[in-house]
Amino acid sequence: MRLVIAANRAPYIVKKKRNTVSVERSSGGLVSALDPIMRNRKGVWVCTCLEDNFYDIEFPYEIRPIKLTHQENTHYYEGFGNRQIWPLFHYLPARYMFHEKDWEFYIKVNKKFANQIFSFVKPDDVIWIQDYHLMLVPSLLRKAGVKNKIGFFMHIPFPNYELFRVIPKRKALLEGLLGADVIGFHTESYQKHFLECVRRKINMSEVDMINNHIHYDNRMIDVPAHPISVDFDLIDNTARKNSVKYKVKKLRSMFNVDIIGIGVDRLDYTKGIFERLNGIEHFLDTHPEYRGKFMFIQIAVPSRTKIIEYQKIKGEVDEAVGRINGKFSKDGWSPIAYIYNSLNFEDLVSYYCCADFALITSLRDGLNLVTKEYIASRINNDGMLILSEFIGASEEIDTGILINPFDVRSISNAILKAIKTSDEEQKRIMTYLRQHIKENNVYKWVDSFLCRL
């Protein structure tokens, strides 16, 4: 069985500099989760591209790029995807803006994906469509006569009906998704929201809210809740490498403090980085005894840099880091180490290993794989996890310290609690979490989904 993945993002970034070409894996949870699966299965990855960089380059598996014009990318990706679906599905309706032209290009690009898949798909291929950029592709493939099993997985939250009905094209989006045989979500909350939207908007459907099935177009559609995961063994083995241990020792020596926290995010307004920094400021205001002994590493991966909203949040984060460091810095110590860059995998694991706790303050998040990456890196069964109650992972990881990211005191108190947690309690919690992630790794996630097709 060959696996065909359709996703907006390419799994690799190709950089050309003079006469040299470098290839590196793309950042983000989707790619980090699926890349090892595609390597093992020698699948086909269909994605967008804006340049001709992908041609004549050998990858670990076949990549079929769909070249978009600047206009197509502007309206389909930046417009409909990131100014309409993204903020609304993350419960930020004030940032939502509908434009008919964006929708027209969303249809056009989804048709390009469907046509590309139709051009090479074999009868025994399994098609797995990823995320909100491609919600129309399942039904477009059905209309083209594709009989293959089709799966769809939504990697971001799915909102409740009252929010979803804000979208003028809501019915078309639901009908697009219903071309799939299996429609997966990270959590039961998202699953139930989707089922309720179908029940209320698609008259020809019969929705089974108990067994999570939809009867539509003479088919039974399965709607499971399967939280995505990480390659536990890859992260664990990387954390045990001598080169990583050396980097960790070097980082601890360079920072020269007793307590190190870490946050790793794309620079996105949904990630709550600004709120996190305010929480750290409150912690240092109310617990001055930790000044000079505490440091927080914020790794912010550049994201959607051409979109105005993302330029604004970068300015806010930059200003907050400068203000907080200016307020507390003393004798060569500053509380926040700000890294605005993407890191290679080994360096990222080194930073995870270096930190005594991870702080996730997303205002909304489909799942948030940083939680699981941090757990997998804790080879000594130590460290603490502080996570927002508004991320999908909070429904699965029930032994972390839950916070409300809108409450600076909640963040501040959680940091103090993480610092004061005994070694024995840390070991008990992290041993349990590591075993859970090891048993429920990314390969099990894929198998659990594909076995339904």
Protein backbone atom coordinates (compact mmCIF):
# COMPACT_ATOMS: atom_id res chain seq x y z
CA MET A 1 0.00 0.00 0.00
CA ARG A 2 1.48 3.32 -1.08
CA LEU A 3 0.64 6.38 1.00
CA VAL A 4 -0.13 9.64 -0.80
CA ILE A 5 0.04 12.73 1.41
CA ALA A 6 -1.46 16.04 0.30
CA ALA A 7 -0.41 19.06 2.35
CA ASN A 8 0.13 22.74 1.75
CA ARG A 9 3.68 22.70 3.06
CA ALA A 10 6.58 20.86 1.47
CA PRO A 11 8.42 18.56 3.87
CA TYR A 12 11.78 20.05 2.88
CA ILE A 13 13.20 23.50 2.22
CA VAL A 14 15.63 23.80 -0.66
CA LYS A 15 18.15 26.63 -0.44
CA LYS A 16 20.37 27.61 -3.33
CA LYS A 17 23.44 29.73 -2.69
CA ARG A 18 25.79 30.33 -5.57
CA ASN A 19 26.71 26.85 -6.79
CA THR A 20 25.60 24.92 -3.71
CA VAL A 21 22.22 23.46 -2.82
CA SER A 22 21.22 22.62 0.74
CA VAL A 23 18.14 20.70 1.84
CA GLU A 24 16.67 20.86 5.34
CA ARG A 25 13.46 19.62 6.88
CA SER A 26 10.67 22.18 7.23
CA SER A 27 9.71 23.36 10.70
CA GLY A 28 6.32 22.69 12.23
CA GLY A 29 4.40 19.87 13.86
CA LEU A 30 2.87 18.38 10.71
CA VAL A 31 6.15 17.79 8.92
CA SER A 32 7.99 16.57 12.01
CA ALA A 33 5.23 14.01 12.58
CA LEU A 34 4.83 12.70 9.04
CA ASP A 35 8.37 12.84 7.66
CA PRO A 36 9.56 9.64 9.40
CA ILE A 37 6.45 7.80 8.22
CA MET A 38 7.00 8.81 4.60
CA ARG A 39 10.65 7.75 4.77
CA ASN A 40 9.61 4.30 5.94
CA ARG A 41 6.78 3.88 3.45
CA LYS A 42 8.40 5.54 0.41
CA GLY A 43 5.24 7.51 -0.20
CA VAL A 44 4.35 10.48 -2.40
CA TRP A 45 3.99 13.98 -0.92
CA VAL A 46 1.94 16.52 -2.91
CA CYS A 47 2.52 20.12 -1.85
CA THR A 48 2.71 23.71 -3.03
CA CYS A 49 5.84 25.56 -4.07
CA LEU A 50 6.59 29.08 -5.30
CA GLU A 51 9.97 28.36 -6.89
CA ASP A 52 11.49 25.75 -9.19
CA ASN A 53 13.85 24.55 -6.45
CA PHE A 54 12.23 21.14 -6.06
CA TYR A 55 13.03 19.84 -9.48
CA ASP A 56 16.09 17.64 -10.17
CA ILE A 57 16.73 17.11 -6.44
CA GLU A 58 16.69 13.68 -4.81
CA PHE A 59 14.60 13.43 -1.65
CA PRO A 60 14.05 10.48 0.72
CA TYR A 61 10.67 9.96 -0.97
CA GLU A 62 8.81 11.33 -4.00
CA ILE A 63 7.66 14.94 -3.81
CA ARG A 64 5.21 16.32 -6.38
CA PRO A 65 5.19 20.11 -6.11
CA ILE A 66 2.32 22.25 -7.36
CA LYS A 67 3.71 25.58 -8.43
CA LEU A 68 1.57 28.53 -7.37
CA THR A 69 1.63 32.02 -8.76
CA HIS A 70 2.17 34.89 -6.36
CA GLN A 71 -1.51 35.81 -6.73
CA GLU A 72 -2.66 32.26 -5.95
CA ASN A 73 -0.50 32.08 -2.84
CA THR A 74 -1.63 35.52 -1.66
CA HIS A 75 -5.34 34.70 -1.80
CA TYR A 76 -5.42 30.95 -1.08
CA TYR A 77 -2.77 30.79 1.64
CA GLU A 78 -2.37 34.24 3.14
CA GLY A 79 -5.98 35.25 2.50
CA PHE A 80 -8.44 32.42 2.97
CA GLY A 81 -6.16 30.17 4.98
CA ASN A 82 -4.50 32.60 7.35
CA ARG A 83 -6.82 35.61 7.53
CA GLN A 84 -10.05 33.62 7.60
CA ILE A 85 -9.81 29.98 8.69
CA TRP A 86 -6.80 30.31 11.00
CA PRO A 87 -8.07 33.05 13.35
CA LEU A 88 -11.66 31.83 13.43
CA PHE A 89 -10.75 28.20 14.14
CA HIS A 90 -8.46 29.47 16.92
CA TYR A 91 -11.35 31.36 18.55
CA LEU A 92 -10.15 34.82 17.54
CA PRO A 93 -13.09 36.11 15.47
CA ALA A 94 -11.98 39.74 15.77
CA ARG A 95 -9.09 38.88 13.42
CA TYR A 96 -11.41 37.21 10.88
CA MET A 97 -11.88 38.90 7.50
CA PHE A 98 -13.87 37.40 4.62
CA HIS A 99 -13.07 38.31 1.01
CA GLU A 100 -14.79 36.61 -1.92
CA LYS A 101 -11.63 36.65 -4.04
CA ASP A 102 -9.75 34.66 -1.39
CA TRP A 103 -12.45 32.01 -1.56
CA GLU A 104 -12.26 31.85 -5.36
CA PHE A 105 -8.54 31.15 -5.22
CA TYR A 106 -9.00 28.65 -2.40
CA ILE A 107 -11.26 26.66 -4.75
CA LYS A 108 -8.76 27.04 -7.59
CA VAL A 109 -5.78 25.73 -5.61
CA ASN A 110 -7.80 22.88 -4.09
CA LYS A 111 -8.71 21.87 -7.65
CA LYS A 112 -5.01 21.89 -8.56
CA PHE A 113 -4.33 19.45 -5.74
CA ALA A 114 -7.19 17.18 -6.77
CA ASN A 115 -6.06 17.21 -10.42
CA GLN A 116 -2.46 16.44 -9.46
CA ILE A 117 -3.47 13.48 -7.29
CA PHE A 118 -5.89 12.20 -9.94
CA SER A 119 -3.09 12.27 -12.54
CA PHE A 120 -0.91 9.64 -10.82
CA VAL A 121 -2.95 7.81 -8.18
CA LYS A 122 -2.98 4.01 -8.40
CA PRO A 123 -5.95 1.81 -7.45
CA ASP A 124 -4.37 0.55 -4.22
CA ASP A 125 -3.03 3.93 -3.03
CA VAL A 126 -4.37 5.40 0.19
CA ILE A 127 -4.81 9.18 0.06
CA TRP A 128 -4.35 11.19 3.23
CA ILE A 129 -5.14 14.90 3.04
CA GLN A 130 -3.75 17.19 5.71
CA ASP A 131 -5.24 20.23 7.33
CA TYR A 132 -7.40 23.27 6.73
CA HIS A 133 -5.76 24.45 3.51
CA LEU A 134 -7.28 21.52 1.57
CA MET A 135 -10.78 21.03 2.93
CA LEU A 136 -12.35 20.84 -0.55
CA VAL A 137 -10.00 18.19 -1.96
CA PRO A 138 -11.87 15.08 -0.69
CA SER A 139 -15.12 15.96 -2.48
CA LEU A 140 -13.25 17.16 -5.59
CA LEU A 141 -11.54 13.76 -5.84
CA ARG A 142 -14.90 11.99 -5.49
CA LYS A 143 -16.40 14.16 -8.22
CA ALA A 144 -13.44 13.23 -10.45
CA GLY A 145 -14.29 9.56 -9.97
CA VAL A 146 -11.58 8.56 -7.49
CA LYS A 147 -12.64 5.38 -5.66
CA ASN A 148 -9.60 5.12 -3.38
CA LYS A 149 -9.85 5.33 0.37
CA ILE A 150 -9.48 8.98 1.40
CA GLY A 151 -8.57 10.21 4.85
CA PHE A 152 -8.47 13.77 6.14
CA PHE A 153 -6.87 15.03 9.34
CA MET A 154 -7.48 18.46 10.83
CA HIS A 155 -4.39 19.63 12.70
CA ILE A 156 -5.91 22.80 14.15
CA PRO A 157 -8.89 23.20 16.49
CA PHE A 158 -12.35 22.82 15.02
CA PRO A 159 -14.61 25.52 16.50
CA ASN A 160 -18.07 25.17 17.94
CA TYR A 161 -21.10 25.79 15.74
CA GLU A 162 -21.64 29.40 16.85
CA LEU A 163 -18.16 30.33 15.59
CA PHE A 164 -18.16 28.09 12.52
CA ARG A 165 -21.41 29.56 11.22
CA VAL A 166 -19.66 32.94 10.87
CA ILE A 167 -18.04 31.63 7.66
CA PRO A 168 -20.21 32.46 4.62
CA LYS A 169 -18.94 29.32 2.81
CA ARG A 170 -19.45 27.02 5.80
CA LYS A 171 -21.67 24.51 3.98
CA ALA A 172 -19.25 24.15 1.06
CA LEU A 173 -16.39 23.45 3.48
CA LEU A 174 -18.36 20.74 5.28
CA GLU A 175 -19.41 19.14 2.00
CA GLY A 176 -15.78 19.23 0.87
CA LEU A 177 -14.65 17.32 3.94
CA LEU A 178 -17.45 14.77 3.62
CA GLY A 179 -15.79 13.35 0.51
CA ALA A 180 -13.39 11.57 2.88
CA ASP A 181 -13.96 8.14 4.43
CA VAL A 182 -12.24 9.09 7.68
CA ILE A 183 -12.08 12.63 9.12
CA GLY A 184 -9.78 12.83 12.12
CA PHE A 185 -9.26 15.38 14.88
CA HIS A 186 -6.87 15.67 17.83
CA THR A 187 -9.47 15.73 20.58
CA GLU A 188 -13.00 14.70 21.38
CA SER A 189 -13.95 18.37 21.73
CA TYR A 190 -13.02 19.13 18.10
CA GLN A 191 -14.64 15.87 16.99
CA LYS A 192 -17.96 16.74 18.63
CA HIS A 193 -17.87 20.31 17.29
CA PHE A 194 -17.50 18.99 13.74
CA LEU A 195 -20.27 16.43 14.13
CA GLU A 196 -22.58 19.10 15.50
CA CYS A 197 -21.82 21.44 12.58
CA VAL A 198 -22.60 18.67 10.07
CA ARG A 199 -25.79 17.78 11.94
CA ARG A 200 -27.02 21.38 11.80
CA LYS A 201 -25.90 22.40 8.29
CA ILE A 202 -25.96 19.30 6.03
CA ASN A 203 -29.59 18.23 5.58
CA MET A 204 -28.85 15.01 3.68
CA SER A 205 -26.59 13.64 6.41
CA GLU A 206 -27.37 11.39 9.37
CA VAL A 207 -25.04 12.04 12.29
CA ASP A 208 -24.40 9.47 15.02
CA MET A 209 -23.05 11.54 17.91
CA ILE A 210 -22.54 8.47 20.11
CA ASN A 211 -20.50 6.30 17.72
CA ASN A 212 -18.98 9.29 15.88
CA HIS A 213 -20.20 8.33 12.41
CA ILE A 214 -21.83 10.26 9.59
CA HIS A 215 -24.04 8.59 6.98
CA TYR A 216 -23.78 10.68 3.83
CA ASP A 217 -23.95 10.02 0.08
CA ASN A 218 -24.50 6.29 0.65
CA ARG A 219 -21.30 6.06 2.69
CA MET A 220 -20.49 5.78 6.37
CA ILE A 221 -17.84 8.32 7.37
CA ASP A 222 -15.77 7.62 10.46
CA VAL A 223 -14.89 10.65 12.63
CA PRO A 224 -12.25 9.59 15.19
CA ALA A 225 -10.32 11.59 17.78
CA HIS A 226 -6.63 10.68 17.52
CA PRO A 227 -4.04 13.07 19.02
CA ILE A 228 -0.89 13.29 16.92
CA SER A 229 2.45 12.38 18.49
CA VAL A 230 6.22 12.42 17.95
CA ASP A 231 8.97 9.95 17.09
CA PHE A 232 9.85 9.17 20.70
CA ASP A 233 12.84 6.94 19.96
CA LEU A 234 14.39 9.47 17.57
CA ILE A 235 14.23 12.26 20.17
CA ASP A 236 15.26 9.98 23.03
CA ASN A 237 18.25 8.60 21.12
CA THR A 238 19.28 12.09 20.03
CA ALA A 239 19.17 13.30 23.64
CA ARG A 240 21.56 10.49 24.60
CA LYS A 241 24.20 11.40 22.01
CA ASN A 242 27.54 12.61 23.35
CA SER A 243 27.39 15.63 21.03
CA VAL A 244 24.07 16.69 22.59
CA LYS A 245 25.33 16.14 26.13
CA TYR A 246 28.30 18.34 25.31
CA LYS A 247 26.01 21.07 23.95
CA VAL A 248 23.82 20.89 27.06
CA LYS A 249 26.83 21.25 29.33
CA LYS A 250 28.02 24.20 27.27
CA LEU A 251 24.60 25.89 27.39
CA ARG A 252 24.26 25.47 31.15
CA SER A 253 27.74 26.90 31.61
CA MET A 254 27.01 29.82 29.29
CA PHE A 255 23.72 30.76 30.98
CA ASN A 256 25.19 30.14 34.46
CA VAL A 257 21.90 30.13 36.38
CA ASP A 258 20.17 27.61 38.64
CA ILE A 259 16.85 27.43 36.79
CA ILE A 260 16.19 27.47 33.04
CA GLY A 261 12.78 27.49 31.38
CA ILE A 262 12.05 27.13 27.68
CA GLY A 263 9.39 28.04 25.15
CA VAL A 264 9.51 26.90 21.52
CA ASP A 265 6.97 28.25 19.05
CA ARG A 266 6.36 29.56 15.60
CA LEU A 267 6.02 33.31 16.00
CA ASP A 268 2.23 33.37 15.87
CA TYR A 269 -0.41 35.37 17.73
CA THR A 270 -2.15 32.12 18.77
CA LYS A 271 0.91 30.89 20.69
CA GLY A 272 0.57 33.36 23.55
CA ILE A 273 4.25 34.38 23.53
CA PHE A 274 3.41 37.95 24.55
CA GLU A 275 1.23 36.63 27.40
CA ARG A 276 4.04 34.26 28.42
CA LEU A 277 6.54 37.09 28.65
CA ASN A 278 4.13 39.10 30.78
CA GLY A 279 3.76 36.08 33.06
CA ILE A 280 7.54 35.82 33.42
CA GLU A 281 7.72 39.53 34.20
CA HIS A 282 5.09 39.06 36.92
CA PHE A 283 7.06 36.12 38.33
CA LEU A 284 10.23 38.21 38.61
CA ASP A 285 8.27 41.14 40.07
CA THR A 286 6.69 39.01 42.79
CA HIS A 287 9.65 36.70 43.45
CA PRO A 288 12.75 38.90 43.35
CA GLU A 289 14.77 36.15 45.07
CA TYR A 290 15.00 34.40 41.68
CA ARG A 291 16.55 37.35 39.87
CA GLY A 292 20.01 36.33 38.75
CA LYS A 293 19.16 32.65 39.31
CA PHE A 294 16.50 32.20 36.64
CA MET A 295 16.54 32.43 32.85
CA PHE A 296 13.94 31.76 30.20
CA ILE A 297 14.89 30.74 26.66
CA GLN A 298 12.32 31.77 24.06
CA ILE A 299 12.87 30.19 20.65
CA ALA A 300 10.61 31.88 18.11
CA VAL A 301 10.63 30.37 14.63
CA PRO A 302 9.88 32.96 11.90
CA SER A 303 6.46 32.32 10.37
CA ARG A 304 4.25 33.97 7.72
CA THR A 305 6.52 36.99 7.76
CA LYS A 306 4.75 38.69 4.83
CA ILE A 307 1.42 38.86 6.66
CA ILE A 308 0.85 42.15 8.52
CA GLU A 309 -0.63 40.51 11.62
CA TYR A 310 2.54 38.46 12.05
CA GLN A 311 4.77 41.47 11.58
CA LYS A 312 2.83 43.19 14.35
CA ILE A 313 3.18 40.31 16.80
CA LYS A 314 6.92 40.17 16.13
CA GLY A 315 7.15 43.84 17.02
CA GLU A 316 5.19 43.27 20.23
CA VAL A 317 7.38 40.33 21.26
CA ASP A 318 10.60 42.16 20.41
CA GLU A 319 9.47 45.14 22.48
CA ALA A 320 8.43 42.97 25.43
CA VAL A 321 11.76 41.10 25.47
CA GLY A 322 13.68 44.37 25.37
CA ARG A 323 11.53 45.96 28.05
CA ILE A 324 11.74 43.01 30.45
CA ASN A 325 15.47 42.52 29.97
CA GLY A 326 15.99 46.27 30.42
CA LYS A 327 13.93 46.22 33.60
CA PHE A 328 15.70 43.33 35.34
CA SER A 329 19.18 42.97 33.81
CA LYS A 330 22.01 43.26 36.31
CA ASP A 331 25.71 42.37 36.48
CA GLY A 332 25.74 40.58 33.13
CA TRP A 333 22.52 38.63 33.78
CA SER A 334 19.35 39.02 31.72
CA PRO A 335 16.21 36.97 32.35
CA ILE A 336 15.24 36.22 28.73
CA ALA A 337 17.37 34.69 25.99
CA TYR A 338 15.47 35.37 22.77
CA ILE A 339 16.29 33.31 19.69
CA TYR A 340 14.41 34.41 16.57
CA ASN A 341 15.42 31.59 14.28
CA SER A 342 14.73 27.98 13.43
CA LEU A 343 17.15 25.44 14.89
CA ASN A 344 18.38 22.17 13.47
CA PHE A 345 16.99 19.08 15.16
CA GLU A 346 20.01 18.26 17.32
CA ASP A 347 20.32 21.83 18.58
CA LEU A 348 16.61 21.92 19.42
CA VAL A 349 16.87 18.70 21.43
CA SER A 350 19.91 20.17 23.22
CA TYR A 351 17.85 23.16 24.32
CA TYR A 352 15.04 20.88 25.51
CA CYS A 353 17.55 18.86 27.55
CA CYS A 354 19.03 22.06 28.98
CA ALA A 355 15.72 23.35 30.38
CA ASP A 356 14.27 22.53 33.80
CA PHE A 357 10.73 23.24 32.63
CA ALA A 358 8.83 23.93 29.41
CA LEU A 359 6.17 26.65 29.31
CA ILE A 360 3.39 26.42 26.71
CA THR A 361 0.94 29.34 26.80
CA SER A 362 -0.98 28.99 23.52
CA LEU A 363 -4.28 30.86 23.49
CA ARG A 364 -5.57 28.00 21.32
CA ASP A 365 -3.67 25.16 19.72
CA GLY A 366 -4.74 22.05 17.85
CA LEU A 367 -2.43 19.89 19.94
CA ASN A 368 1.07 21.43 20.41
CA LEU A 369 3.85 18.92 19.77
CA VAL A 370 6.37 20.88 21.85
CA THR A 371 4.77 19.23 24.88
CA LYS A 372 5.64 15.77 23.60
CA GLU A 373 9.05 16.74 22.21
CA TYR A 374 10.05 18.08 25.61
CA ILE A 375 8.85 14.92 27.36
CA ALA A 376 10.73 12.67 24.93
CA SER A 377 13.96 14.61 25.53
CA ARG A 378 13.91 14.09 29.32
CA ILE A 379 16.16 11.03 29.47
CA ASN A 380 16.80 11.52 33.20
CA ASN A 381 13.08 11.54 34.00
CA ASP A 382 13.22 15.09 35.33
CA GLY A 383 11.78 18.44 34.32
CA MET A 384 8.30 19.91 34.50
CA LEU A 385 5.68 20.74 31.91
CA ILE A 386 3.47 23.83 32.21
CA LEU A 387 0.75 23.90 29.60
CA SER A 388 -2.21 26.02 28.60
CA GLU A 389 -5.63 24.56 29.28
CA PHE A 390 -6.61 25.69 25.77
CA ILE A 391 -4.34 23.33 23.81
CA GLY A 392 -5.35 19.91 22.56
CA ALA A 393 -2.54 18.24 24.50
CA SER A 394 -4.14 19.30 27.80
CA GLU A 395 -6.90 16.72 27.21
CA GLU A 396 -4.28 13.98 26.94
CA ILE A 397 -1.48 15.05 29.29
CA ASP A 398 -3.22 15.25 32.63
CA THR A 399 -0.17 15.38 34.92
CA GLY A 400 1.28 18.68 33.73
CA ILE A 401 0.68 22.01 35.46
CA LEU A 402 -2.35 23.59 33.76
CA ILE A 403 -2.57 27.36 33.35
CA ASN A 404 -4.88 30.00 31.93
CA PRO A 405 -2.59 31.94 29.56
CA PHE A 406 -4.75 35.05 29.86
CA ASP A 407 -3.92 35.26 33.58
CA VAL A 408 -0.37 36.45 34.38
CA ARG A 409 -0.75 35.24 37.96
CA SER A 410 -1.64 31.77 36.75
CA ILE A 411 1.58 31.69 34.70
CA SER A 412 3.67 33.14 37.52
CA ASN A 413 2.30 30.68 40.09
CA ALA A 414 2.87 27.75 37.74
CA ILE A 415 6.52 28.73 37.24
CA LEU A 416 7.00 28.83 41.00
CA LYS A 417 5.27 25.47 41.40
CA ALA A 418 7.48 23.91 38.70
CA ILE A 419 10.62 25.24 40.38
CA LYS A 420 9.57 23.97 43.81
CA THR A 421 8.47 20.50 42.68
CA SER A 422 10.69 17.91 44.37
CA ASP A 423 13.04 15.66 42.42
CA GLU A 424 10.99 12.64 43.48
CA GLU A 425 7.73 14.15 42.22
CA GLN A 426 9.36 15.23 38.95
CA LYS A 427 10.62 11.69 38.43
CA ARG A 428 7.19 10.21 39.14
CA ILE A 429 5.44 12.54 36.70
CA MET A 430 8.02 12.42 33.92
CA THR A 431 8.44 8.64 34.09
CA TYR A 432 4.70 8.28 33.55
CA LEU A 433 4.60 10.84 30.73
CA ARG A 434 7.59 9.36 28.92
CA GLN A 435 6.08 5.89 29.01
CA HIS A 436 2.78 7.28 27.69
CA ILE A 437 4.45 9.09 24.77
CA LYS A 438 6.66 6.09 24.01
CA GLU A 439 3.63 3.80 23.80
CA ASN A 440 1.60 6.37 21.84
CA ASN A 441 4.20 7.58 19.35
CA VAL A 442 3.75 8.99 15.88
CA TYR A 443 3.85 5.55 14.27
CA LYS A 444 0.94 4.39 16.40
CA TRP A 445 -0.92 7.59 15.48
CA VAL A 446 -0.51 6.85 11.78
CA ASP A 447 -1.40 3.17 12.15
CA SER A 448 -4.46 4.02 14.26
CA PHE A 449 -5.69 6.38 11.56
CA LEU A 450 -4.83 4.31 8.49
CA CYS A 451 -6.33 1.10 9.90
CA ARG A 452 -9.70 2.85 9.70
CA LEU A 453 -9.37 3.30 5.94
